[in-house]
Amino acid sequence: MGSTKRKPSFIFSVSWEVCNKIGGIYTVLSTQAKTLKEESGATLIYVGPDVWEGKNNPLFIEDKSLYAIWKDYARDTDGLKVRTGYWNIPGKPIVFLVDFMTMFPMKNSIYGRAWELFKVDSMHAYGDYDEASMFSYAAAMAVKSFYNFNIGPNDTVVYHAHEWMCGLGTLFLKHFIPQISTVFTTHATSIGRSICGNGKALYEYFDGYNGDQMARELNMESKHSVEKQTAHQVDCFTTVSDITARECTQLLERTPDVVTVNGFEDGFLPEADKFDAARSEARRCILSVANRLFGTEWGDETVIVATGGRYEFRNKGIDMFLESMRHLRDNHKTADAHILALINVPAWVMEPRRDLQDRMNGLDTAKTTLQMPLTTHWLHNMADDRVICTLQGMGFRNAPDDNIKVLFVPCYLDGNDGIFGKTYYDLLIGQDLAVYPSYYEPWGYTPLESAAFRVPTVTSDLAGFGLWVNTLLKHDAELEDGVKVVHRTDSNWNEASADISLQIEKWVQMDAAKRDEIRNKAGKIARKALWKHFIKYYLEAYSLALEKTWERIEK
């Protein structure tokens, strides 16, 4: 670890996902807060978008008295509307929620100034670029106002922006108040994700890719421009894994100063004396839904395998998961076992199935297979959904006699889905195996969380987490280690898919004692990734940024 002689008095951590649960960055920030607050000793303030105004946000505890005089000043002097309070997570950190809609009338002048000062090209903006940029600018102006009103000359301040969505404001803030130390973390490059999402081979031709050229080809010029310029101009640039650091060097032409590995807190795990009961209840719930849908009576001997995450069919390896299940079915080596494969991926849900609800509620006691037994919820786009179409194309029908059944759970598991009535974590603990064979995965919280729940997990060496596990164990991780890291390239589809099906075969053939041993090993690996082990990388990044700022101001 580098020098830590310079420590921040204030840390502003800025993200679209503060008090706004969308994806992996929410997990990063919400789980790190308590440890970062304790270890840094700084006043830690998270800054997010006020997208919940007028609606109840269970993640935000408003405190109108917090910095009330400054809020009046910011409103009257700079036209800024900020709500203050606390994030309803462990550590209860301070939060500023910023209304960014007031910035839209100034959008063109902001973009023009961004081009003049930083050569950020907003001409080709579309989609979420405007909304993200106006939030980014509003967040930076709120911190600028707070700095001028509340922060003394001897205080050291770090402004930590997450993802391209917070880049524009970071550049302006550094320009207006160079005394503030800027840190920028890209959790995934916009171009890398886009290359993969468009079906191109990222790794085989990696050294030949030019980020600027690909941005033009993929119509990503504005996002790439602000991301690249921010990476080059901040005091400290970081990313979340070695594999993404390599990507940044190639596509952004800037090597990160620090790799700030993602950790987690284990506070969401059941207490040890309640763990087995929670696992049993999860399995009961999953099998109850499946049996009523399929018209079967599968019991606790059923091997429950699952994948999950965002609906990025190729990037998240959903395609490979389905191929591995097809391979497992066709090789007939597990014909004596009942295997239930779940795809927990939120899609364009229309509604929970009424016929399935009737069976869950005892209104229909028939033991027949329901129509279309591939999904728990009806979708708006059933005929075009990639998971449904792939399952049908592979011949999965979930007939009563099929020993391998694949079930699409296309809803957000928040306890209000209308079928399971439980959260993602409530059900995760009931799985036997978790499979996340990602093609593009800067880190990979889903496999880490699965391992934390002592669910043996399959991931890939194209995921940051998978590479970290290999490094931790000092060998290519196998299922017997608790986490299996499958080798993936652009050209070994069949081998990687077969390897995954082999892991399920191995599990089916294991006795109970061996399974328990592997479950415990999975949990031990996850505990190596607690924030208490990883927060040092954030402190290193802040120290580097403060040092660079000091040198800049002294000149």
Protein backbone atom coordinates (compact mmCIF):
# COMPACT_ATOMS: atom_id res chain seq x y z
CA MET A 1 0.00 0.00 0.00
CA GLY A 2 1.17 3.50 -0.83
CA SER A 3 1.55 6.42 1.49
CA THR A 4 -1.42 7.25 3.70
CA LYS A 5 0.06 10.36 5.30
CA ARG A 6 -2.59 12.52 3.66
CA LYS A 7 -6.11 11.81 4.78
CA PRO A 8 -9.35 13.50 3.73
CA SER A 9 -11.41 15.58 6.12
CA PHE A 10 -14.43 15.22 3.82
CA ILE A 11 -15.27 12.54 1.27
CA PHE A 12 -18.05 13.13 -1.25
CA SER A 13 -18.96 9.87 -2.99
CA VAL A 14 -21.12 10.60 -6.03
CA SER A 15 -23.20 8.11 -7.98
CA TRP A 16 -26.50 7.73 -9.81
CA GLU A 17 -27.10 4.70 -7.54
CA VAL A 18 -26.98 6.48 -4.17
CA CYS A 19 -30.32 5.68 -2.50
CA ASN A 20 -31.31 4.39 -5.94
CA LYS A 21 -31.11 0.60 -6.17
CA ILE A 22 -30.35 -0.33 -9.77
CA GLY A 23 -27.28 -2.50 -10.07
CA GLY A 24 -23.84 -3.45 -8.87
CA ILE A 25 -22.64 0.05 -7.99
CA TYR A 26 -25.44 0.28 -5.43
CA THR A 27 -24.00 -2.85 -3.81
CA VAL A 28 -20.48 -1.40 -3.85
CA LEU A 29 -21.46 1.86 -2.17
CA SER A 30 -24.10 0.62 0.24
CA THR A 31 -21.96 -2.20 1.62
CA GLN A 32 -18.77 -0.15 1.93
CA ALA A 33 -20.25 2.85 3.73
CA LYS A 34 -19.91 1.66 7.31
CA THR A 35 -16.30 0.50 6.88
CA LEU A 36 -15.24 3.54 4.84
CA LYS A 37 -16.74 5.88 7.42
CA GLU A 38 -14.92 4.14 10.27
CA GLU A 39 -11.58 3.60 8.57
CA SER A 40 -11.22 7.00 6.88
CA GLY A 41 -12.19 9.08 9.90
CA ALA A 42 -13.61 11.62 7.43
CA THR A 43 -17.02 13.21 7.18
CA LEU A 44 -18.49 10.89 4.54
CA ILE A 45 -21.29 12.26 2.37
CA TYR A 46 -22.93 10.37 -0.49
CA VAL A 47 -24.46 12.42 -3.29
CA GLY A 48 -27.22 10.98 -5.47
CA PRO A 49 -30.07 12.05 -7.79
CA ASP A 50 -33.38 13.13 -6.32
CA VAL A 51 -35.47 10.85 -8.52
CA TRP A 52 -37.91 10.01 -5.71
CA GLU A 53 -39.25 13.47 -4.99
CA GLY A 54 -42.92 13.27 -4.09
CA LYS A 55 -42.68 9.51 -3.52
CA ASN A 56 -41.63 7.52 -0.50
CA ASN A 57 -38.04 6.30 -0.78
CA PRO A 58 -37.44 3.56 1.81
CA LEU A 59 -33.69 3.97 1.33
CA PHE A 60 -33.62 7.67 2.33
CA ILE A 61 -34.26 9.08 5.80
CA GLU A 62 -34.77 12.80 5.31
CA ASP A 63 -33.51 15.23 7.95
CA LYS A 64 -34.56 18.75 7.02
CA SER A 65 -32.49 20.21 9.87
CA LEU A 66 -29.22 18.74 8.52
CA TYR A 67 -27.18 21.57 6.98
CA ALA A 68 -30.41 23.60 6.80
CA ILE A 69 -28.69 27.00 6.64
CA TRP A 70 -26.44 25.86 3.78
CA LYS A 71 -29.42 24.44 1.85
CA ASP A 72 -31.11 27.85 2.00
CA TYR A 73 -27.88 29.47 0.84
CA ALA A 74 -27.49 26.99 -2.03
CA ARG A 75 -31.08 27.58 -3.11
CA ASP A 76 -30.96 31.37 -2.90
CA THR A 77 -27.42 31.85 -4.23
CA ASP A 78 -27.01 29.09 -6.80
CA GLY A 79 -30.55 27.93 -7.51
CA LEU A 80 -29.73 24.45 -6.16
CA LYS A 81 -32.38 22.24 -4.60
CA VAL A 82 -30.88 19.65 -2.25
CA ARG A 83 -32.50 17.32 0.26
CA THR A 84 -30.36 16.12 3.16
CA GLY A 85 -30.65 13.05 5.33
CA TYR A 86 -29.24 9.58 5.82
CA TRP A 87 -28.98 6.46 3.71
CA ASN A 88 -30.95 3.67 5.36
CA ILE A 89 -28.08 1.17 5.33
CA PRO A 90 -25.49 0.02 7.90
CA GLY A 91 -23.53 3.06 9.07
CA LYS A 92 -26.38 5.46 8.15
CA PRO A 93 -24.08 7.81 6.16
CA ILE A 94 -25.09 11.37 5.30
CA VAL A 95 -26.76 11.77 1.91
CA PHE A 96 -27.41 14.76 -0.35
CA LEU A 97 -30.12 14.12 -2.94
CA VAL A 98 -29.82 16.70 -5.70
CA ASP A 99 -32.61 17.91 -7.98
CA PHE A 100 -30.95 18.01 -11.41
CA MET A 101 -33.99 18.99 -13.50
CA THR A 102 -33.17 22.67 -12.92
CA MET A 103 -30.01 22.20 -15.01
CA PHE A 104 -31.79 21.24 -18.23
CA PRO A 105 -32.47 24.86 -19.36
CA MET A 106 -28.67 25.39 -19.23
CA LYS A 107 -27.84 22.08 -20.94
CA ASN A 108 -26.50 23.48 -24.20
CA SER A 109 -24.32 26.09 -22.52
CA ILE A 110 -22.96 23.44 -20.11
CA TYR A 111 -22.12 21.16 -23.03
CA GLY A 112 -20.53 24.04 -24.94
CA ARG A 113 -18.38 24.95 -21.98
CA ALA A 114 -17.44 21.28 -21.50
CA TRP A 115 -16.13 21.19 -25.06
CA GLU A 116 -14.19 24.43 -24.66
CA LEU A 117 -12.59 23.48 -21.35
CA PHE A 118 -12.22 19.70 -21.52
CA LYS A 119 -12.89 18.64 -25.14
CA VAL A 120 -15.87 16.55 -24.02
CA ASP A 121 -17.98 15.82 -27.10
CA SER A 122 -21.68 15.92 -26.24
CA MET A 123 -22.84 16.45 -29.84
CA HIS A 124 -23.75 12.79 -30.29
CA ALA A 125 -25.62 12.42 -27.00
CA TYR A 126 -28.72 10.25 -26.80
CA GLY A 127 -30.55 8.03 -24.33
CA ASP A 128 -29.52 8.52 -20.72
CA TYR A 129 -26.58 10.84 -21.48
CA ASP A 130 -28.45 14.12 -20.84
CA GLU A 131 -30.06 12.99 -17.60
CA ALA A 132 -26.78 11.60 -16.25
CA SER A 133 -24.82 14.69 -17.25
CA MET A 134 -27.28 17.14 -15.71
CA PHE A 135 -27.19 15.14 -12.46
CA SER A 136 -23.40 15.06 -12.59
CA TYR A 137 -23.21 18.81 -13.06
CA ALA A 138 -25.81 19.52 -10.35
CA ALA A 139 -24.00 17.22 -7.89
CA ALA A 140 -20.69 19.00 -8.52
CA MET A 141 -22.28 22.44 -8.12
CA ALA A 142 -23.85 21.31 -4.84
CA VAL A 143 -20.45 20.23 -3.52
CA LYS A 144 -18.92 23.49 -4.80
CA SER A 145 -21.56 25.43 -2.89
CA PHE A 146 -21.06 23.33 0.25
CA TYR A 147 -17.29 23.79 0.01
CA ASN A 148 -17.56 27.57 -0.21
CA PHE A 149 -20.05 27.74 2.65
CA ASN A 150 -18.93 25.08 5.14
CA ILE A 151 -15.37 23.91 4.58
CA GLY A 152 -12.37 25.59 6.13
CA PRO A 153 -8.98 26.28 4.49
CA ASN A 154 -7.25 23.52 6.43
CA ASP A 155 -9.76 20.81 5.46
CA THR A 156 -8.86 18.29 2.78
CA VAL A 157 -11.64 17.22 0.44
CA VAL A 158 -12.00 14.24 -1.89
CA TYR A 159 -14.69 14.11 -4.58
CA HIS A 160 -15.11 10.51 -5.70
CA ALA A 161 -17.15 10.04 -8.90
CA HIS A 162 -18.42 6.61 -9.97
CA GLU A 163 -18.88 5.71 -13.66
CA TRP A 164 -19.02 7.91 -16.75
CA MET A 165 -22.39 9.20 -15.53
CA CYS A 166 -20.64 11.36 -12.93
CA GLY A 167 -17.70 12.45 -15.07
CA LEU A 168 -18.88 15.80 -16.44
CA GLY A 169 -19.43 17.43 -13.07
CA THR A 170 -16.10 16.12 -11.80
CA LEU A 171 -14.26 17.96 -14.56
CA PHE A 172 -16.10 21.21 -13.85
CA LEU A 173 -15.51 20.90 -10.09
CA LYS A 174 -11.78 20.44 -10.57
CA HIS A 175 -11.77 23.48 -12.85
CA PHE A 176 -13.72 25.70 -10.42
CA ILE A 177 -12.11 24.49 -7.16
CA PRO A 178 -8.70 22.91 -7.86
CA GLN A 179 -8.15 22.48 -4.10
CA ILE A 180 -10.61 19.57 -4.17
CA SER A 181 -8.99 16.22 -4.92
CA THR A 182 -10.82 14.28 -7.61
CA VAL A 183 -11.07 10.49 -7.87
CA PHE A 184 -12.84 8.69 -10.70
CA THR A 185 -13.77 5.00 -10.73
CA THR A 186 -14.96 3.28 -13.87
CA HIS A 187 -16.74 0.09 -12.89
CA ALA A 188 -16.83 -0.98 -16.55
CA THR A 189 -15.75 0.97 -19.61
CA SER A 190 -18.67 2.04 -21.76
CA ILE A 191 -16.84 0.86 -24.89
CA GLY A 192 -15.80 -2.51 -23.49
CA ARG A 193 -19.37 -3.27 -22.42
CA SER A 194 -20.69 -2.09 -25.78
CA ILE A 195 -18.21 -4.18 -27.79
CA CYS A 196 -19.34 -7.28 -25.92
CA GLY A 197 -23.01 -6.36 -25.96
CA ASN A 198 -22.86 -6.01 -29.75
CA GLY A 199 -21.57 -9.55 -30.14
CA LYS A 200 -18.00 -8.63 -31.04
CA ALA A 201 -14.98 -10.56 -29.82
CA LEU A 202 -13.34 -8.37 -27.18
CA TYR A 203 -10.46 -10.59 -26.12
CA GLU A 204 -9.21 -12.27 -29.29
CA TYR A 205 -8.56 -8.90 -30.96
CA PHE A 206 -8.04 -6.93 -27.75
CA ASP A 207 -4.71 -5.33 -28.61
CA GLY A 208 -6.10 -4.09 -31.92
CA TYR A 209 -9.01 -2.13 -30.50
CA ASN A 210 -8.94 1.67 -30.42
CA GLY A 211 -11.46 3.20 -28.05
CA ASP A 212 -12.11 6.35 -30.07
CA GLN A 213 -12.61 4.38 -33.28
CA MET A 214 -14.98 1.90 -31.60
CA ALA A 215 -16.94 4.77 -30.04
CA ARG A 216 -17.64 6.12 -33.53
CA GLU A 217 -18.53 2.69 -34.86
CA LEU A 218 -20.88 1.84 -31.98
CA ASN A 219 -22.44 5.32 -31.65
CA MET A 220 -20.96 5.76 -28.18
CA GLU A 221 -18.96 8.92 -28.79
CA SER A 222 -20.41 11.11 -26.04
CA LYS A 223 -20.25 8.55 -23.23
CA HIS A 224 -16.76 7.48 -24.26
CA SER A 225 -15.61 11.08 -24.55
CA VAL A 226 -16.64 12.11 -21.03
CA GLU A 227 -15.33 8.85 -19.58
CA LYS A 228 -11.95 9.18 -21.29
CA GLN A 229 -11.47 12.86 -20.48
CA THR A 230 -12.42 12.29 -16.83
CA ALA A 231 -10.01 9.38 -16.55
CA HIS A 232 -7.19 11.52 -17.92
CA GLN A 233 -7.84 14.67 -15.90
CA VAL A 234 -8.72 13.51 -12.38
CA ASP A 235 -6.11 13.33 -9.63
CA CYS A 236 -6.56 9.58 -9.20
CA PHE A 237 -8.14 7.11 -11.62
CA THR A 238 -9.26 3.69 -10.39
CA THR A 239 -11.14 0.62 -11.54
CA VAL A 240 -12.40 -2.50 -9.80
CA SER A 241 -10.31 -5.39 -11.17
CA ASP A 242 -7.13 -6.25 -13.02
CA ILE A 243 -9.07 -7.34 -16.09
CA THR A 244 -10.82 -3.95 -16.30
CA ALA A 245 -7.55 -2.13 -15.63
CA ARG A 246 -6.18 -3.73 -18.79
CA GLU A 247 -9.32 -2.63 -20.62
CA CYS A 248 -8.87 0.97 -19.42
CA THR A 249 -5.27 1.02 -20.63
CA GLN A 250 -6.31 -0.16 -24.09
CA LEU A 251 -9.62 1.66 -24.64
CA LEU A 252 -9.23 4.81 -22.52
CA GLU A 253 -5.45 5.06 -23.00
CA ARG A 254 -5.05 5.60 -19.26
CA THR A 255 -3.81 2.97 -16.82
CA PRO A 256 -5.59 3.17 -13.44
CA ASP A 257 -3.51 4.41 -10.51
CA VAL A 258 -5.14 1.96 -8.09
CA VAL A 259 -7.35 -1.12 -8.44
CA THR A 260 -10.08 -0.62 -5.83
CA VAL A 261 -11.33 -4.20 -5.53
CA ASN A 262 -15.01 -4.57 -4.61
CA GLY A 263 -15.81 -6.00 -1.21
CA PHE A 264 -19.02 -6.68 0.69
CA GLU A 265 -20.39 -6.82 4.21
CA ASP A 266 -21.91 -10.00 5.55
CA GLY A 267 -24.61 -8.31 7.62
CA PHE A 268 -27.33 -9.59 5.27
CA LEU A 269 -26.45 -13.23 6.02
CA PRO A 270 -28.63 -15.17 8.49
CA GLU A 271 -27.20 -15.72 11.96
CA ALA A 272 -25.40 -19.06 12.29
CA ASP A 273 -28.16 -20.60 14.40
CA LYS A 274 -30.78 -19.59 11.81
CA PHE A 275 -28.84 -20.53 8.69
CA ASP A 276 -30.12 -24.08 8.24
CA ALA A 277 -33.72 -23.03 8.83
CA ALA A 278 -33.40 -20.24 6.27
CA ARG A 279 -31.95 -22.66 3.74
CA SER A 280 -34.74 -25.19 4.32
CA GLU A 281 -37.41 -22.51 3.96
CA ALA A 282 -35.86 -21.25 0.70
CA ARG A 283 -35.82 -24.76 -0.76
CA ARG A 284 -39.39 -25.39 0.34
CA CYS A 285 -40.53 -22.19 -1.37
CA ILE A 286 -38.64 -22.84 -4.64
CA LEU A 287 -39.81 -26.43 -4.91
CA SER A 288 -43.37 -25.49 -4.00
CA VAL A 289 -43.56 -23.05 -6.91
CA ALA A 290 -41.86 -25.48 -9.31
CA ASN A 291 -44.04 -28.45 -8.39
CA ARG A 292 -47.25 -26.49 -8.81
CA LEU A 293 -46.10 -25.18 -12.18
CA PHE A 294 -44.87 -28.55 -13.44
CA GLY A 295 -47.46 -30.81 -11.79
CA THR A 296 -44.67 -32.78 -10.08
CA GLU A 297 -43.75 -33.79 -6.54
CA TRP A 298 -40.01 -33.25 -6.52
CA GLY A 299 -38.55 -33.33 -3.02
CA ASP A 300 -35.55 -32.02 -1.14
CA GLU A 301 -33.23 -34.35 -3.06
CA THR A 302 -33.68 -32.01 -6.03
CA VAL A 303 -30.45 -30.29 -7.10
CA ILE A 304 -31.25 -26.58 -7.47
CA VAL A 305 -28.89 -24.74 -9.80
CA ALA A 306 -29.30 -21.06 -10.67
CA THR A 307 -27.90 -18.08 -12.49
CA GLY A 308 -28.93 -14.44 -12.14
CA GLY A 309 -28.06 -10.80 -12.59
CA ARG A 310 -28.87 -8.19 -15.22
CA TYR A 311 -30.46 -9.29 -18.45
CA GLU A 312 -27.30 -9.12 -20.55
CA PHE A 313 -27.74 -12.37 -22.43
CA ARG A 314 -24.16 -12.71 -23.65
CA ASN A 315 -22.20 -10.54 -21.24
CA LYS A 316 -23.54 -12.28 -18.12
CA GLY A 317 -23.15 -15.74 -19.65
CA ILE A 318 -26.86 -16.55 -19.65
CA ASP A 319 -26.37 -18.07 -23.11
CA MET A 320 -23.60 -20.34 -21.82
CA PHE A 321 -25.63 -21.35 -18.77
CA LEU A 322 -28.45 -22.51 -21.06
CA GLU A 323 -26.00 -24.32 -23.32
CA SER A 324 -24.49 -26.12 -20.32
CA MET A 325 -27.96 -27.29 -19.26
CA ARG A 326 -28.63 -28.56 -22.79
CA HIS A 327 -25.31 -30.39 -22.71
CA LEU A 328 -26.14 -31.89 -19.31
CA ARG A 329 -29.52 -33.10 -20.57
CA ASP A 330 -28.15 -34.60 -23.78
CA ASN A 331 -25.26 -36.55 -22.23
CA HIS A 332 -27.70 -38.51 -20.00
CA LYS A 333 -25.16 -38.90 -17.16
CA THR A 334 -27.52 -37.41 -14.59
CA ALA A 335 -30.71 -39.16 -15.75
CA ASP A 336 -31.40 -40.51 -12.24
CA ALA A 337 -31.31 -37.07 -10.60
CA HIS A 338 -33.88 -34.30 -10.44
CA ILE A 339 -32.21 -31.04 -11.48
CA LEU A 340 -34.02 -27.69 -11.37
CA ALA A 341 -32.21 -24.84 -13.10
CA LEU A 342 -33.41 -21.29 -12.32
CA ILE A 343 -32.73 -18.17 -14.36
CA ASN A 344 -33.26 -15.29 -11.91
CA VAL A 345 -33.02 -12.41 -14.37
CA PRO A 346 -35.50 -9.49 -14.35
CA ALA A 347 -37.12 -9.06 -17.77
CA TRP A 348 -40.06 -7.13 -19.23
CA VAL A 349 -42.62 -8.57 -16.83
CA MET A 350 -46.29 -8.05 -17.48
CA GLU A 351 -47.75 -9.82 -14.45
CA PRO A 352 -47.43 -12.89 -12.21
CA ARG A 353 -49.25 -15.90 -13.62
CA ARG A 354 -52.81 -16.06 -12.30
CA ASP A 355 -53.02 -19.83 -12.91
CA LEU A 356 -49.85 -20.37 -10.86
CA GLN A 357 -51.12 -18.01 -8.13
CA ASP A 358 -54.34 -20.05 -7.94
CA ARG A 359 -52.32 -23.19 -7.33
CA MET A 360 -50.09 -21.48 -4.78
CA ASN A 361 -53.21 -20.30 -2.93
CA GLY A 362 -54.91 -23.71 -3.02
CA LEU A 363 -57.67 -22.60 -5.43
CA ASP A 364 -56.53 -25.16 -8.02
CA THR A 365 -55.41 -28.55 -6.71
CA ALA A 366 -54.85 -30.27 -10.05
CA LYS A 367 -51.57 -32.19 -10.55
CA THR A 368 -51.16 -31.34 -14.23
CA THR A 369 -48.50 -29.27 -15.95
CA LEU A 370 -49.63 -25.71 -16.53
CA GLN A 371 -49.53 -24.18 -19.97
CA MET A 372 -46.10 -22.73 -20.88
CA PRO A 373 -44.24 -24.14 -17.85
CA LEU A 374 -41.01 -22.30 -18.69
CA THR A 375 -41.76 -19.12 -16.73
CA THR A 376 -43.28 -17.99 -13.43
CA HIS A 377 -44.53 -14.65 -14.84
CA TRP A 378 -46.04 -13.54 -18.12
CA LEU A 379 -43.88 -11.20 -20.20
CA HIS A 380 -44.88 -8.41 -22.54
CA ASN A 381 -42.64 -9.84 -25.25
CA MET A 382 -43.01 -13.59 -24.83
CA ALA A 383 -42.52 -14.31 -28.53
CA ASP A 384 -39.27 -12.35 -28.70
CA ASP A 385 -37.73 -12.95 -25.27
CA ARG A 386 -34.26 -14.43 -25.71
CA VAL A 387 -34.38 -16.81 -22.75
CA ILE A 388 -37.81 -18.18 -23.71
CA CYS A 389 -36.88 -18.48 -27.38
CA THR A 390 -33.56 -20.20 -26.57
CA LEU A 391 -35.22 -22.69 -24.22
CA GLN A 392 -37.83 -23.53 -26.83
CA GLY A 393 -35.18 -23.81 -29.53
CA MET A 394 -33.18 -26.20 -27.35
CA GLY A 395 -36.24 -28.36 -26.80
CA PHE A 396 -36.81 -27.67 -23.11
CA ARG A 397 -40.48 -28.31 -22.37
CA ASN A 398 -40.44 -29.04 -18.62
CA ALA A 399 -42.66 -32.06 -19.15
CA PRO A 400 -43.42 -34.14 -16.02
CA ASP A 401 -40.94 -36.87 -16.98
CA ASP A 402 -38.05 -34.51 -17.80
CA ASN A 403 -35.43 -34.95 -15.09
CA ILE A 404 -33.83 -31.58 -15.96
CA LYS A 405 -36.18 -28.61 -15.91
CA VAL A 406 -35.18 -25.00 -16.62
CA LEU A 407 -37.39 -22.29 -15.13
CA PHE A 408 -37.24 -18.58 -15.99
CA VAL A 409 -37.93 -16.31 -13.01
CA PRO A 410 -38.09 -12.99 -14.89
CA CYS A 411 -39.10 -10.72 -12.01
CA TYR A 412 -37.22 -8.52 -9.59
CA LEU A 413 -37.19 -10.59 -6.40
CA ASP A 414 -38.00 -7.93 -3.80
CA GLY A 415 -40.61 -9.91 -1.88
CA ASN A 416 -43.48 -8.42 -3.92
CA ASP A 417 -43.31 -10.53 -7.07
CA GLY A 418 -46.69 -12.19 -6.55
CA ILE A 419 -45.38 -15.77 -6.75
CA PHE A 420 -42.45 -16.39 -4.39
CA GLY A 421 -43.08 -13.53 -1.97
CA LYS A 422 -39.42 -13.59 -0.95
CA THR A 423 -36.34 -11.55 -1.75
CA TYR A 424 -33.42 -12.64 -3.92
CA TYR A 425 -31.28 -13.32 -0.86
CA ASP A 426 -34.12 -15.23 0.85
CA LEU A 427 -34.09 -17.66 -2.09
CA LEU A 428 -30.37 -17.63 -2.90
CA ILE A 429 -29.54 -19.54 0.29
CA GLY A 430 -31.61 -22.51 -0.91
CA GLN A 431 -29.54 -23.20 -4.00
CA ASP A 432 -27.11 -26.11 -4.35
CA LEU A 433 -24.99 -24.47 -7.02
CA ALA A 434 -24.75 -21.00 -8.55
CA VAL A 435 -23.45 -20.51 -12.10
CA TYR A 436 -22.29 -17.16 -13.53
CA PRO A 437 -20.08 -17.88 -16.56
CA SER A 438 -19.74 -14.23 -17.59
CA TYR A 439 -18.18 -13.13 -20.85
CA TYR A 440 -17.88 -9.53 -19.63
CA GLU A 441 -17.81 -8.90 -15.89
CA PRO A 442 -15.51 -6.23 -14.41
CA TRP A 443 -16.03 -7.65 -10.93
CA GLY A 444 -18.98 -9.96 -10.23
CA TYR A 445 -21.06 -9.48 -7.10
CA THR A 446 -23.47 -12.30 -7.92
CA PRO A 447 -20.84 -15.07 -7.54
CA LEU A 448 -19.36 -13.38 -4.47
CA GLU A 449 -22.76 -13.13 -2.80
CA SER A 450 -23.57 -16.74 -3.66
CA ALA A 451 -20.32 -17.92 -2.08
CA ALA A 452 -21.11 -15.80 0.98
CA PHE A 453 -24.33 -17.79 1.41
CA ARG A 454 -22.21 -20.94 1.24
CA VAL A 455 -23.54 -21.82 -2.20
CA PRO A 456 -20.69 -23.38 -4.24
CA THR A 457 -20.28 -21.15 -7.25
CA VAL A 458 -19.11 -21.40 -10.85
CA THR A 459 -17.75 -18.22 -12.43
CA SER A 460 -15.30 -17.49 -15.25
CA ASP A 461 -11.79 -16.10 -15.60
CA LEU A 462 -13.23 -13.23 -17.66
CA ALA A 463 -14.81 -11.93 -14.43
CA GLY A 464 -12.80 -9.87 -11.98
CA PHE A 465 -14.02 -12.00 -9.08
CA GLY A 466 -12.95 -15.20 -10.84
CA LEU A 467 -9.45 -13.87 -11.44
CA TRP A 468 -9.27 -12.72 -7.82
CA VAL A 469 -10.20 -16.21 -6.58
CA ASN A 470 -7.49 -17.79 -8.75
CA THR A 471 -4.98 -15.30 -7.34
CA LEU A 472 -6.17 -15.90 -3.78
CA LEU A 473 -5.86 -19.68 -4.07
CA LYS A 474 -2.69 -19.51 -6.20
CA HIS A 475 -4.14 -22.03 -8.65
CA ASP A 476 -7.04 -22.40 -11.07
CA ALA A 477 -9.96 -22.79 -8.70
CA GLU A 478 -11.97 -26.02 -8.79
CA LEU A 479 -15.43 -26.85 -7.45
CA GLU A 480 -13.79 -28.65 -4.52
CA ASP A 481 -12.37 -25.25 -3.46
CA GLY A 482 -15.89 -23.81 -3.10
CA VAL A 483 -15.62 -21.68 -6.24
CA LYS A 484 -14.95 -23.08 -9.71
CA VAL A 485 -13.37 -20.68 -12.20
CA VAL A 486 -14.11 -21.83 -15.74
CA HIS A 487 -11.62 -20.83 -18.42
CA ARG A 488 -13.34 -18.75 -21.14
CA THR A 489 -11.99 -17.32 -24.38
CA ASP A 490 -13.55 -16.09 -27.60
CA SER A 491 -13.12 -19.51 -29.15
CA ASN A 492 -13.73 -22.20 -26.49
CA TRP A 493 -17.54 -22.02 -26.19
CA ASN A 494 -18.09 -25.77 -26.35
CA GLU A 495 -15.30 -26.63 -23.90
CA ALA A 496 -16.42 -24.03 -21.35
CA SER A 497 -20.08 -25.09 -21.58
CA ALA A 498 -19.13 -28.75 -21.16
CA ASP A 499 -16.97 -27.84 -18.16
CA ILE A 500 -19.96 -26.24 -16.44
CA SER A 501 -22.16 -29.28 -17.04
CA LEU A 502 -19.32 -31.42 -15.65
CA GLN A 503 -19.39 -29.43 -12.39
CA ILE A 504 -23.12 -30.19 -11.99
CA GLU A 505 -22.44 -33.88 -12.69
CA LYS A 506 -19.78 -33.90 -10.00
CA TRP A 507 -22.15 -32.32 -7.51
CA VAL A 508 -24.90 -34.83 -8.26
CA GLN A 509 -22.47 -37.69 -7.55
CA MET A 510 -21.12 -36.28 -4.25
CA ASP A 511 -22.20 -37.50 -0.85
CA ALA A 512 -23.63 -35.17 1.77
CA ALA A 513 -20.38 -34.83 3.73
CA LYS A 514 -18.43 -33.71 0.67
CA ARG A 515 -21.12 -31.21 -0.25
CA ASP A 516 -21.04 -29.70 3.24
CA GLU A 517 -17.25 -29.42 3.08
CA ILE A 518 -17.43 -27.54 -0.23
CA ARG A 519 -20.19 -25.25 1.04
CA ASN A 520 -18.03 -24.24 3.99
CA LYS A 521 -15.08 -23.56 1.67
CA ALA A 522 -17.26 -21.27 -0.46
CA GLY A 523 -18.17 -19.27 2.62
CA LYS A 524 -14.53 -18.96 3.68
CA ILE A 525 -13.51 -17.60 0.26
CA ALA A 526 -16.25 -14.96 0.46
CA ARG A 527 -15.03 -13.85 3.90
CA LYS A 528 -11.68 -12.99 2.34
CA ALA A 529 -13.54 -10.34 0.32
CA LEU A 530 -15.03 -8.40 3.22
CA TRP A 531 -14.60 -4.63 3.03
CA LYS A 532 -12.32 -4.69 6.06
CA HIS A 533 -9.75 -6.36 3.78
CA PHE A 534 -10.32 -4.12 0.74
CA ILE A 535 -11.06 -0.62 2.05
CA LYS A 536 -7.31 0.04 2.16
CA TYR A 537 -7.33 0.44 -1.62
CA TYR A 538 -9.82 3.31 -1.35
CA LEU A 539 -7.68 4.98 1.30
CA GLU A 540 -4.66 4.57 -0.96
CA ALA A 541 -6.53 6.20 -3.85
CA TYR A 542 -7.57 9.13 -1.65
CA SER A 543 -4.02 9.56 -0.39
CA LEU A 544 -2.65 9.64 -3.95
CA ALA A 545 -5.28 12.16 -5.01
CA LEU A 546 -4.57 14.42 -2.04
CA GLU A 547 -0.84 14.22 -2.68
CA LYS A 548 -1.29 15.20 -6.32
CA THR A 549 -3.57 18.06 -5.35
CA TRP A 550 -1.02 19.30 -2.83
CA GLU A 551 1.69 19.28 -5.47
CA ARG A 552 -0.58 21.09 -7.93
CA ILE A 553 -1.60 23.81 -5.45
CA GLU A 554 1.99 24.32 -4.25
CA LYS A 555 3.10 25.07 -7.78
